Amino acid sequence: MRKVCAWCGAQIGQPGLSAEDGEAISHGICDECVDFLVTNDCPSISSFLDSLPMPVVLVDARGGVIMSNQCARRSFAFADGSDAESCPPPADAGEGRVLLGQLLECCHAASAQGCGRTVHCASCQIRSSVESTYCTGRSLEYVPAHRDAWGPGGGRNRTYLRISTEKLGHAVLLRIEAVAQPVA
């Protein structure tokens, strides 16, 4: 299957194949279009992300949330009832961005050390998948992961996820493909 940019039509990945070859085509977005859309705060990328039925987050190299779709913001509400736009970013988030752990309500991100700085962060599959894709450019699909959040009454609530990552320009697109709450 070959991949073509849905915005400009450029081939993504291996060149040399054409539609006449009978190969199926999948659509994505090329690095140049991502850079243009993110840099120019183009509404079409946010409209596109909002049209997706699963939570999707675009993350920078530091784990800062560049943008997220409505599904992600609804799925992962902050403990105080606010959303990513009203959550104050940590001082080191870069460009005033909320960190991914904050958006996902990770209980470790809420600790004094903050997102990415606790002993638990080193084993976080979400964080390591995003970092791996950012560094290698290799996409990951349906990786088993979990996030721990504070539940009602102050206890921890673990949510099991399946995540996929894809490098887009100078960012990583994180898709949360499946969410399953543990059976009590």
N, C-alpha and C. Protein backbone atom coordinates (compact mmCIF):
# COMPACT_ATOMS: atom_id res chain seq x y z
N MET A 1 0.85 -1.18 0.00
CA MET A 1 0.00 0.00 0.00
C MET A 1 0.89 1.23 0.00
N ARG A 2 0.58 2.18 -0.82
CA ARG A 2 1.37 3.41 -0.80
C ARG A 2 0.58 4.51 -0.12
N LYS A 3 1.30 5.50 0.37
CA LYS A 3 0.70 6.57 1.14
C LYS A 3 0.87 7.89 0.39
N VAL A 4 -0.21 8.67 0.30
CA VAL A 4 -0.21 9.94 -0.41
C VAL A 4 -0.72 11.02 0.53
N CYS A 5 -0.10 12.21 0.47
CA CYS A 5 -0.53 13.35 1.29
C CYS A 5 -1.93 13.78 0.85
N ALA A 6 -2.85 13.84 1.81
CA ALA A 6 -4.23 14.23 1.51
C ALA A 6 -4.35 15.71 1.16
N TRP A 7 -3.35 16.52 1.53
CA TRP A 7 -3.40 17.96 1.28
C TRP A 7 -2.80 18.33 -0.08
N CYS A 8 -1.56 17.85 -0.36
CA CYS A 8 -0.88 18.28 -1.59
C CYS A 8 -0.75 17.18 -2.63
N GLY A 9 -1.04 15.93 -2.27
CA GLY A 9 -0.97 14.84 -3.22
C GLY A 9 0.40 14.20 -3.38
N ALA A 10 1.42 14.70 -2.66
CA ALA A 10 2.77 14.15 -2.76
C ALA A 10 2.80 12.74 -2.19
N GLN A 11 3.66 11.91 -2.77
CA GLN A 11 3.82 10.56 -2.27
C GLN A 11 4.62 10.59 -0.97
N ILE A 12 4.20 9.82 0.01
CA ILE A 12 4.89 9.72 1.29
C ILE A 12 5.52 8.34 1.33
N GLY A 13 6.80 8.28 1.60
CA GLY A 13 7.47 6.99 1.68
C GLY A 13 8.12 6.62 0.37
N GLN A 14 8.00 5.35 -0.04
CA GLN A 14 8.70 4.81 -1.19
C GLN A 14 8.21 5.38 -2.51
N PRO A 15 9.09 6.05 -3.29
CA PRO A 15 8.69 6.58 -4.59
C PRO A 15 8.67 5.49 -5.66
N GLY A 16 8.12 5.80 -6.80
CA GLY A 16 8.20 4.92 -7.95
C GLY A 16 6.95 4.12 -8.25
N LEU A 17 5.94 4.17 -7.41
CA LEU A 17 4.71 3.43 -7.68
C LEU A 17 3.64 4.42 -8.13
N SER A 18 2.78 4.00 -9.00
CA SER A 18 1.71 4.87 -9.45
C SER A 18 0.38 4.17 -9.26
N ALA A 19 -0.71 4.93 -9.37
CA ALA A 19 -2.04 4.37 -9.19
C ALA A 19 -2.31 3.29 -10.23
N GLU A 20 -1.65 3.40 -11.40
CA GLU A 20 -1.84 2.40 -12.44
C GLU A 20 -1.27 1.05 -12.05
N ASP A 21 -0.37 1.02 -11.07
CA ASP A 21 0.22 -0.24 -10.63
C ASP A 21 -0.80 -1.12 -9.89
N GLY A 22 -1.98 -0.57 -9.64
CA GLY A 22 -3.03 -1.33 -8.99
C GLY A 22 -2.87 -1.43 -7.48
N GLU A 23 -1.91 -0.69 -6.93
CA GLU A 23 -1.67 -0.75 -5.50
C GLU A 23 -2.67 0.15 -4.77
N ALA A 24 -3.15 -0.30 -3.63
CA ALA A 24 -4.08 0.49 -2.82
C ALA A 24 -3.37 1.74 -2.31
N ILE A 25 -4.14 2.80 -2.13
CA ILE A 25 -3.59 4.07 -1.66
C ILE A 25 -4.21 4.42 -0.32
N SER A 26 -3.36 4.84 0.61
CA SER A 26 -3.80 5.34 1.90
C SER A 26 -3.38 6.80 1.97
N HIS A 27 -4.13 7.60 2.68
CA HIS A 27 -3.81 9.02 2.77
C HIS A 27 -3.26 9.37 4.14
N GLY A 28 -2.29 10.26 4.14
CA GLY A 28 -1.69 10.79 5.35
C GLY A 28 -1.43 12.26 5.12
N ILE A 29 -0.37 12.76 5.72
CA ILE A 29 0.02 14.15 5.51
C ILE A 29 1.54 14.22 5.50
N CYS A 30 2.10 14.93 4.53
CA CYS A 30 3.56 15.01 4.40
C CYS A 30 4.14 16.05 5.37
N ASP A 31 5.45 15.98 5.58
CA ASP A 31 6.13 16.88 6.51
C ASP A 31 5.92 18.35 6.16
N GLU A 32 6.00 18.67 4.88
CA GLU A 32 5.86 20.08 4.45
C GLU A 32 4.47 20.62 4.78
N CYS A 33 3.44 19.82 4.54
CA CYS A 33 2.08 20.27 4.83
C CYS A 33 1.85 20.42 6.34
N VAL A 34 2.40 19.49 7.12
CA VAL A 34 2.27 19.61 8.59
C VAL A 34 2.93 20.90 9.05
N ASP A 35 4.16 21.15 8.59
CA ASP A 35 4.86 22.38 8.99
C ASP A 35 4.04 23.61 8.62
N PHE A 36 3.49 23.63 7.41
CA PHE A 36 2.70 24.78 6.96
C PHE A 36 1.45 24.95 7.81
N LEU A 37 0.71 23.86 8.01
CA LEU A 37 -0.55 23.94 8.74
C LEU A 37 -0.35 24.32 10.20
N VAL A 38 0.67 23.74 10.84
CA VAL A 38 0.92 24.04 12.25
C VAL A 38 1.49 25.44 12.40
N THR A 39 2.46 25.83 11.57
CA THR A 39 3.08 27.15 11.65
C THR A 39 2.07 28.26 11.41
N ASN A 40 1.18 28.06 10.47
CA ASN A 40 0.20 29.08 10.12
C ASN A 40 -1.11 28.96 10.89
N ASP A 41 -1.13 28.04 11.88
CA ASP A 41 -2.34 27.81 12.68
C ASP A 41 -3.57 27.70 11.79
N CYS A 42 -3.41 26.93 10.74
CA CYS A 42 -4.46 26.77 9.73
C CYS A 42 -5.64 26.01 10.32
N PRO A 43 -6.84 26.52 10.17
CA PRO A 43 -7.98 25.83 10.76
C PRO A 43 -8.28 24.47 10.14
N SER A 44 -7.77 24.21 8.94
CA SER A 44 -8.11 22.94 8.29
C SER A 44 -7.53 21.74 9.02
N ILE A 45 -6.34 21.86 9.62
CA ILE A 45 -5.79 20.72 10.35
C ILE A 45 -6.59 20.46 11.62
N SER A 46 -7.03 21.52 12.31
CA SER A 46 -7.83 21.28 13.51
C SER A 46 -9.21 20.73 13.13
N SER A 47 -9.75 21.18 12.01
CA SER A 47 -11.03 20.62 11.55
C SER A 47 -10.86 19.15 11.18
N PHE A 48 -9.75 18.85 10.52
CA PHE A 48 -9.47 17.46 10.16
C PHE A 48 -9.34 16.60 11.42
N LEU A 49 -8.54 17.05 12.39
CA LEU A 49 -8.37 16.27 13.63
C LEU A 49 -9.69 16.10 14.36
N ASP A 50 -10.51 17.16 14.38
CA ASP A 50 -11.81 17.07 15.06
C ASP A 50 -12.76 16.10 14.37
N SER A 51 -12.53 15.84 13.08
CA SER A 51 -13.41 14.91 12.36
C SER A 51 -13.09 13.45 12.68
N LEU A 52 -11.94 13.19 13.30
CA LEU A 52 -11.55 11.82 13.61
C LEU A 52 -12.32 11.31 14.83
N PRO A 53 -12.75 10.04 14.77
CA PRO A 53 -13.60 9.51 15.84
C PRO A 53 -12.85 9.07 17.09
N MET A 54 -11.51 9.12 17.08
CA MET A 54 -10.75 8.70 18.24
C MET A 54 -9.92 9.89 18.75
N PRO A 55 -9.48 9.84 20.02
CA PRO A 55 -8.63 10.91 20.54
C PRO A 55 -7.31 10.97 19.77
N VAL A 56 -6.95 12.17 19.32
CA VAL A 56 -5.72 12.40 18.56
C VAL A 56 -5.03 13.62 19.13
N VAL A 57 -3.70 13.49 19.35
CA VAL A 57 -2.93 14.58 19.92
C VAL A 57 -1.66 14.75 19.09
N LEU A 58 -1.34 15.99 18.72
CA LEU A 58 -0.10 16.31 18.03
C LEU A 58 0.87 16.83 19.10
N VAL A 59 2.03 16.15 19.23
CA VAL A 59 2.96 16.41 20.32
C VAL A 59 4.32 16.84 19.78
N ASP A 60 4.98 17.80 20.45
CA ASP A 60 6.31 18.24 20.03
C ASP A 60 7.40 17.39 20.69
N ALA A 61 8.65 17.71 20.43
CA ALA A 61 9.79 16.93 20.92
C ALA A 61 9.87 16.89 22.44
N ARG A 62 9.35 17.88 23.12
CA ARG A 62 9.40 17.92 24.59
C ARG A 62 8.19 17.28 25.25
N GLY A 63 7.27 16.77 24.45
CA GLY A 63 6.04 16.20 25.01
C GLY A 63 4.96 17.24 25.19
N GLY A 64 5.16 18.43 24.60
CA GLY A 64 4.16 19.49 24.67
C GLY A 64 3.06 19.26 23.65
N VAL A 65 1.83 19.52 24.04
CA VAL A 65 0.69 19.34 23.16
C VAL A 65 0.59 20.54 22.23
N ILE A 66 0.79 20.29 20.93
CA ILE A 66 0.64 21.34 19.92
C ILE A 66 -0.83 21.58 19.66
N MET A 67 -1.56 20.49 19.46
CA MET A 67 -3.01 20.56 19.34
C MET A 67 -3.60 19.19 19.60
N SER A 68 -4.86 19.18 19.96
CA SER A 68 -5.58 17.92 20.18
C SER A 68 -6.97 18.08 19.62
N ASN A 69 -7.59 16.97 19.29
CA ASN A 69 -8.95 17.08 18.75
C ASN A 69 -9.97 17.10 19.89
N GLN A 70 -11.21 17.40 19.51
CA GLN A 70 -12.28 17.50 20.51
C GLN A 70 -12.46 16.20 21.27
N CYS A 71 -12.32 15.08 20.57
CA CYS A 71 -12.49 13.78 21.21
C CYS A 71 -11.46 13.59 22.33
N ALA A 72 -10.22 14.00 22.10
CA ALA A 72 -9.18 13.89 23.13
C ALA A 72 -9.50 14.80 24.30
N ARG A 73 -9.94 16.00 24.02
CA ARG A 73 -10.24 16.94 25.11
C ARG A 73 -11.45 16.48 25.92
N ARG A 74 -12.41 15.85 25.27
CA ARG A 74 -13.58 15.32 26.00
C ARG A 74 -13.23 14.06 26.78
N SER A 75 -12.39 13.22 26.20
CA SER A 75 -12.04 11.93 26.82
C SER A 75 -11.19 12.09 28.07
N PHE A 76 -10.34 13.10 28.05
CA PHE A 76 -9.40 13.28 29.14
C PHE A 76 -9.57 14.67 29.74
N ALA A 77 -10.66 14.84 30.50
CA ALA A 77 -10.91 16.11 31.16
C ALA A 77 -9.98 16.23 32.36
N PHE A 78 -9.59 17.42 32.68
CA PHE A 78 -8.70 17.63 33.82
C PHE A 78 -9.47 17.49 35.13
N ALA A 79 -8.72 17.16 36.17
CA ALA A 79 -9.33 16.88 37.47
C ALA A 79 -10.19 18.04 37.97
N ASP A 80 -9.81 19.28 37.62
CA ASP A 80 -10.59 20.43 38.10
C ASP A 80 -11.72 20.80 37.14
N GLY A 81 -11.94 19.95 36.10
CA GLY A 81 -13.03 20.20 35.17
C GLY A 81 -12.66 21.10 34.02
N SER A 82 -11.41 21.60 33.98
CA SER A 82 -10.99 22.48 32.89
C SER A 82 -10.54 21.63 31.70
N ASP A 83 -10.07 22.29 30.65
CA ASP A 83 -9.55 21.55 29.51
C ASP A 83 -8.13 22.04 29.21
N ALA A 84 -7.51 21.49 28.16
CA ALA A 84 -6.12 21.80 27.84
C ALA A 84 -5.88 23.28 27.62
N GLU A 85 -6.85 23.98 27.05
CA GLU A 85 -6.66 25.39 26.76
C GLU A 85 -6.57 26.23 28.03
N SER A 86 -7.22 25.79 29.11
CA SER A 86 -7.21 26.60 30.33
C SER A 86 -6.24 26.07 31.38
N CYS A 87 -5.59 24.94 31.12
CA CYS A 87 -4.64 24.39 32.08
C CYS A 87 -3.32 25.13 31.98
N PRO A 88 -2.78 25.64 33.07
CA PRO A 88 -1.51 26.35 32.99
C PRO A 88 -0.37 25.39 32.68
N PRO A 89 0.47 25.71 31.68
CA PRO A 89 1.58 24.82 31.33
C PRO A 89 2.70 24.92 32.35
N PRO A 90 3.48 23.85 32.50
CA PRO A 90 4.66 23.94 33.35
C PRO A 90 5.70 24.86 32.71
N ALA A 91 6.60 25.38 33.50
CA ALA A 91 7.59 26.34 33.00
C ALA A 91 8.45 25.78 31.89
N ASP A 92 8.70 24.48 31.87
CA ASP A 92 9.60 23.90 30.87
C ASP A 92 8.88 23.30 29.67
N ALA A 93 7.59 23.54 29.52
CA ALA A 93 6.84 22.90 28.45
C ALA A 93 7.24 23.41 27.07
N GLY A 94 7.76 24.60 26.98
CA GLY A 94 8.15 25.15 25.70
C GLY A 94 6.96 25.76 24.99
N GLU A 95 7.11 27.00 24.56
CA GLU A 95 6.07 27.73 23.83
C GLU A 95 4.74 27.74 24.57
N GLY A 96 4.77 27.64 25.89
CA GLY A 96 3.56 27.71 26.69
C GLY A 96 2.62 26.52 26.52
N ARG A 97 3.15 25.38 26.14
CA ARG A 97 2.31 24.22 25.87
C ARG A 97 2.06 23.37 27.11
N VAL A 98 0.87 22.81 27.16
CA VAL A 98 0.51 21.82 28.15
C VAL A 98 1.25 20.54 27.77
N LEU A 99 1.75 19.80 28.75
CA LEU A 99 2.44 18.55 28.47
C LEU A 99 1.42 17.41 28.31
N LEU A 100 1.81 16.39 27.54
CA LEU A 100 0.92 15.27 27.24
C LEU A 100 0.37 14.62 28.50
N GLY A 101 1.21 14.43 29.51
CA GLY A 101 0.75 13.82 30.77
C GLY A 101 -0.33 14.63 31.45
N GLN A 102 -0.28 15.96 31.29
CA GLN A 102 -1.33 16.81 31.85
C GLN A 102 -2.65 16.59 31.11
N LEU A 103 -2.58 16.56 29.78
CA LEU A 103 -3.79 16.36 29.00
C LEU A 103 -4.43 15.02 29.33
N LEU A 104 -3.60 13.97 29.48
CA LEU A 104 -4.11 12.64 29.76
C LEU A 104 -4.45 12.42 31.23
N GLU A 105 -4.27 13.46 32.05
CA GLU A 105 -4.56 13.40 33.48
C GLU A 105 -3.74 12.35 34.21
N CYS A 106 -2.52 12.13 33.77
CA CYS A 106 -1.66 11.16 34.44
C CYS A 106 -1.41 11.62 35.88
N CYS A 107 -1.59 10.72 36.83
CA CYS A 107 -1.41 11.10 38.23
C CYS A 107 0.05 11.46 38.52
N HIS A 108 1.00 10.91 37.75
CA HIS A 108 2.41 11.24 37.96
C HIS A 108 2.73 12.63 37.44
N ALA A 109 2.03 13.07 36.39
CA ALA A 109 2.23 14.42 35.86
C ALA A 109 1.77 15.47 36.87
N ALA A 110 0.83 15.07 37.74
CA ALA A 110 0.30 15.98 38.74
C ALA A 110 1.18 16.04 39.99
N SER A 111 2.23 15.22 40.03
CA SER A 111 3.11 15.21 41.21
C SER A 111 4.02 16.43 41.22
N ALA A 112 4.75 16.60 42.28
CA ALA A 112 5.66 17.75 42.42
C ALA A 112 6.75 17.75 41.35
N GLN A 113 7.20 16.58 40.90
CA GLN A 113 8.24 16.50 39.87
C GLN A 113 7.70 16.89 38.50
N GLY A 114 6.45 16.58 38.23
CA GLY A 114 5.82 16.93 36.97
C GLY A 114 5.99 15.89 35.88
N CYS A 115 5.33 16.13 34.78
CA CYS A 115 5.30 15.22 33.64
C CYS A 115 6.71 14.99 33.09
N GLY A 116 7.06 13.70 32.98
CA GLY A 116 8.35 13.33 32.40
C GLY A 116 9.50 13.29 33.38
N ARG A 117 9.23 13.55 34.66
CA ARG A 117 10.33 13.66 35.63
C ARG A 117 10.24 12.72 36.82
N THR A 118 9.26 11.83 36.80
CA THR A 118 9.16 10.90 37.93
C THR A 118 9.78 9.57 37.52
N VAL A 119 10.00 8.70 38.48
CA VAL A 119 10.54 7.38 38.21
C VAL A 119 9.58 6.58 37.32
N HIS A 120 8.30 6.87 37.41
CA HIS A 120 7.29 6.16 36.63
C HIS A 120 7.34 6.54 35.15
N CYS A 121 7.78 7.74 34.84
CA CYS A 121 7.80 8.23 33.45
C CYS A 121 8.74 7.42 32.57
N ALA A 122 9.81 6.89 33.15
CA ALA A 122 10.77 6.10 32.37
C ALA A 122 10.14 4.83 31.81
N SER A 123 9.12 4.31 32.48
CA SER A 123 8.47 3.08 32.00
C SER A 123 7.13 3.35 31.31
N CYS A 124 6.81 4.61 31.07
CA CYS A 124 5.54 4.97 30.43
C CYS A 124 5.59 4.60 28.94
N GLN A 125 4.73 3.70 28.53
CA GLN A 125 4.71 3.25 27.13
C GLN A 125 4.24 4.36 26.20
N ILE A 126 3.36 5.23 26.67
CA ILE A 126 2.90 6.35 25.84
C ILE A 126 4.07 7.27 25.56
N ARG A 127 4.78 7.67 26.60
CA ARG A 127 5.93 8.57 26.46
C ARG A 127 7.02 7.93 25.59
N SER A 128 7.36 6.67 25.86
CA SER A 128 8.45 6.05 25.11
C SER A 128 8.07 5.83 23.64
N SER A 129 6.80 5.58 23.35
CA SER A 129 6.36 5.42 21.96
C SER A 129 6.47 6.74 21.20
N VAL A 130 6.04 7.82 21.83
CA VAL A 130 6.15 9.14 21.20
C VAL A 130 7.62 9.50 20.97
N GLU A 131 8.46 9.29 21.99
CA GLU A 131 9.89 9.60 21.85
C GLU A 131 10.55 8.75 20.78
N SER A 132 10.24 7.46 20.73
CA SER A 132 10.81 6.56 19.74
C SER A 132 10.44 6.99 18.33
N THR A 133 9.18 7.29 18.12
CA THR A 133 8.74 7.73 16.79
C THR A 133 9.38 9.06 16.42
N TYR A 134 9.51 9.96 17.38
CA TYR A 134 10.14 11.25 17.09
C TYR A 134 11.60 11.07 16.68
N CYS A 135 12.32 10.23 17.39
CA CYS A 135 13.75 10.03 17.13
C CYS A 135 14.03 9.19 15.89
N THR A 136 13.23 8.16 15.66
CA THR A 136 13.52 7.23 14.55
C THR A 136 12.70 7.51 13.30
N GLY A 137 11.57 8.20 13.45
CA GLY A 137 10.68 8.42 12.33
C GLY A 137 9.81 7.21 12.02
N ARG A 138 9.98 6.12 12.78
CA ARG A 138 9.23 4.90 12.55
C ARG A 138 7.87 4.94 13.26
N SER A 139 6.82 4.71 12.51
CA SER A 139 5.47 4.69 13.08
C SER A 139 5.27 3.43 13.91
N LEU A 140 4.45 3.53 14.93
CA LEU A 140 4.08 2.39 15.75
C LEU A 140 2.56 2.25 15.69
N GLU A 141 2.07 1.01 15.70
CA GLU A 141 0.63 0.79 15.62
C GLU A 141 0.14 -0.13 16.72
N TYR A 142 -0.95 0.25 17.33
CA TYR A 142 -1.67 -0.54 18.33
C TYR A 142 -0.78 -1.05 19.46
N VAL A 143 0.04 -0.17 19.98
CA VAL A 143 0.94 -0.50 21.09
C VAL A 143 0.11 -0.55 22.37
N PRO A 144 0.21 -1.64 23.15
CA PRO A 144 -0.50 -1.67 24.43
C PRO A 144 0.14 -0.69 25.41
N ALA A 145 -0.69 0.08 26.08
CA ALA A 145 -0.21 1.08 27.04
C ALA A 145 -1.28 1.25 28.12
N HIS A 146 -0.96 2.02 29.11
CA HIS A 146 -1.96 2.38 30.12
C HIS A 146 -1.63 3.75 30.68
N ARG A 147 -2.60 4.33 31.32
CA ARG A 147 -2.36 5.57 32.04
C ARG A 147 -3.04 5.44 33.40
N ASP A 148 -2.37 5.97 34.39
CA ASP A 148 -2.91 5.97 35.75
C ASP A 148 -3.38 7.39 36.06
N ALA A 149 -4.62 7.51 36.47
CA ALA A 149 -5.19 8.80 36.85
C ALA A 149 -5.79 8.67 38.23
N TRP A 150 -6.02 9.82 38.86
CA TRP A 150 -6.68 9.79 40.16
C TRP A 150 -8.15 9.55 39.93
N GLY A 151 -8.69 8.58 40.64
CA GLY A 151 -10.11 8.26 40.52
C GLY A 151 -10.89 8.91 41.64
N PRO A 152 -12.19 8.66 41.68
CA PRO A 152 -13.02 9.19 42.76
C PRO A 152 -12.50 8.69 44.11
N GLY A 153 -12.47 9.54 45.08
CA GLY A 153 -12.02 9.18 46.41
C GLY A 153 -10.50 9.16 46.55
N GLY A 154 -9.78 9.59 45.53
CA GLY A 154 -8.33 9.69 45.64
C GLY A 154 -7.55 8.45 45.26
N GLY A 155 -8.22 7.35 44.92
CA GLY A 155 -7.51 6.15 44.51
C GLY A 155 -7.08 6.23 43.05
N ARG A 156 -6.11 5.41 42.69
CA ARG A 156 -5.65 5.39 41.30
C ARG A 156 -6.59 4.58 40.44
N ASN A 157 -6.79 5.07 39.22
CA ASN A 157 -7.66 4.43 38.26
C ASN A 157 -6.83 4.16 37.00
N ARG A 158 -6.60 2.90 36.66
CA ARG A 158 -5.79 2.54 35.49
C ARG A 158 -6.71 2.33 34.29
N THR A 159 -6.34 2.96 33.18
CA THR A 159 -7.06 2.81 31.92
C THR A 159 -6.10 2.16 30.93
N TYR A 160 -6.55 1.08 30.29
CA TYR A 160 -5.73 0.39 29.30
C TYR A 160 -6.03 0.94 27.91
N LEU A 161 -4.97 1.17 27.15
CA LEU A 161 -5.09 1.82 25.85
C LEU A 161 -4.38 1.01 24.78
N ARG A 162 -4.70 1.30 23.55
CA ARG A 162 -3.92 0.88 22.38
C ARG A 162 -3.62 2.19 21.66
N ILE A 163 -2.33 2.45 21.43
CA ILE A 163 -1.94 3.72 20.82
C ILE A 163 -1.17 3.48 19.53
N SER A 164 -1.21 4.47 18.65
CA SER A 164 -0.43 4.47 17.43
C SER A 164 0.24 5.83 17.32
N THR A 165 1.45 5.85 16.76
CA THR A 165 2.18 7.10 16.60
C THR A 165 2.70 7.20 15.16
N GLU A 166 2.80 8.44 14.70
CA GLU A 166 3.34 8.70 13.37
C GLU A 166 4.05 10.05 13.40
N LYS A 167 5.25 10.09 12.83
CA LYS A 167 6.00 11.35 12.81
C LYS A 167 5.44 12.23 11.70
N LEU A 168 5.16 13.46 12.05
CA LEU A 168 4.66 14.45 11.11
C LEU A 168 5.50 15.71 11.26
N GLY A 169 6.42 15.92 10.34
CA GLY A 169 7.29 17.09 10.42
C GLY A 169 8.12 17.04 11.67
N HIS A 170 8.02 18.07 12.49
CA HIS A 170 8.77 18.14 13.74
C HIS A 170 7.88 17.80 14.93
N ALA A 171 6.92 16.91 14.70
CA ALA A 171 5.98 16.53 15.74
C ALA A 171 5.59 15.07 15.56
N VAL A 172 4.88 14.55 16.55
CA VAL A 172 4.38 13.18 16.49
C VAL A 172 2.87 13.22 16.69
N LEU A 173 2.16 12.51 15.82
CA LEU A 173 0.72 12.37 15.94
C LEU A 173 0.45 11.12 16.77
N LEU A 174 -0.18 11.28 17.90
CA LEU A 174 -0.54 10.17 18.79
C LEU A 174 -2.03 9.91 18.64
N ARG A 175 -2.38 8.69 18.24
CA ARG A 175 -3.78 8.28 18.14
C ARG A 175 -4.06 7.28 19.24
N ILE A 176 -5.13 7.50 19.96
CA ILE A 176 -5.54 6.54 20.98
C ILE A 176 -6.65 5.71 20.35
N GLU A 177 -6.25 4.50 19.92
CA GLU A 177 -7.10 3.64 19.11
C GLU A 177 -8.18 2.94 19.91
N ALA A 178 -7.87 2.56 21.14
CA ALA A 178 -8.83 1.82 21.95
C ALA A 178 -8.61 2.16 23.42
N VAL A 179 -9.71 2.22 24.14
CA VAL A 179 -9.67 2.52 25.57
C VAL A 179 -10.51 1.47 26.28
N ALA A 180 -9.96 0.86 27.33
CA ALA A 180 -10.71 -0.13 28.09
C ALA A 180 -10.49 0.11 29.59
N GLN A 181 -11.56 0.30 30.29
CA GLN A 181 -11.50 0.44 31.74
C GLN A 181 -11.42 -0.96 32.34
N PRO A 182 -10.64 -1.15 33.39
CA PRO A 182 -10.58 -2.47 34.02
C PRO A 182 -11.91 -2.84 34.67
N VAL A 183 -12.18 -4.13 34.69
CA VAL A 183 -13.39 -4.62 35.33
C VAL A 183 -13.17 -4.63 36.84
N ALA A 184 -14.08 -4.05 37.59
CA ALA A 184 -13.91 -3.94 39.04
C ALA A 184 -14.28 -5.22 39.73
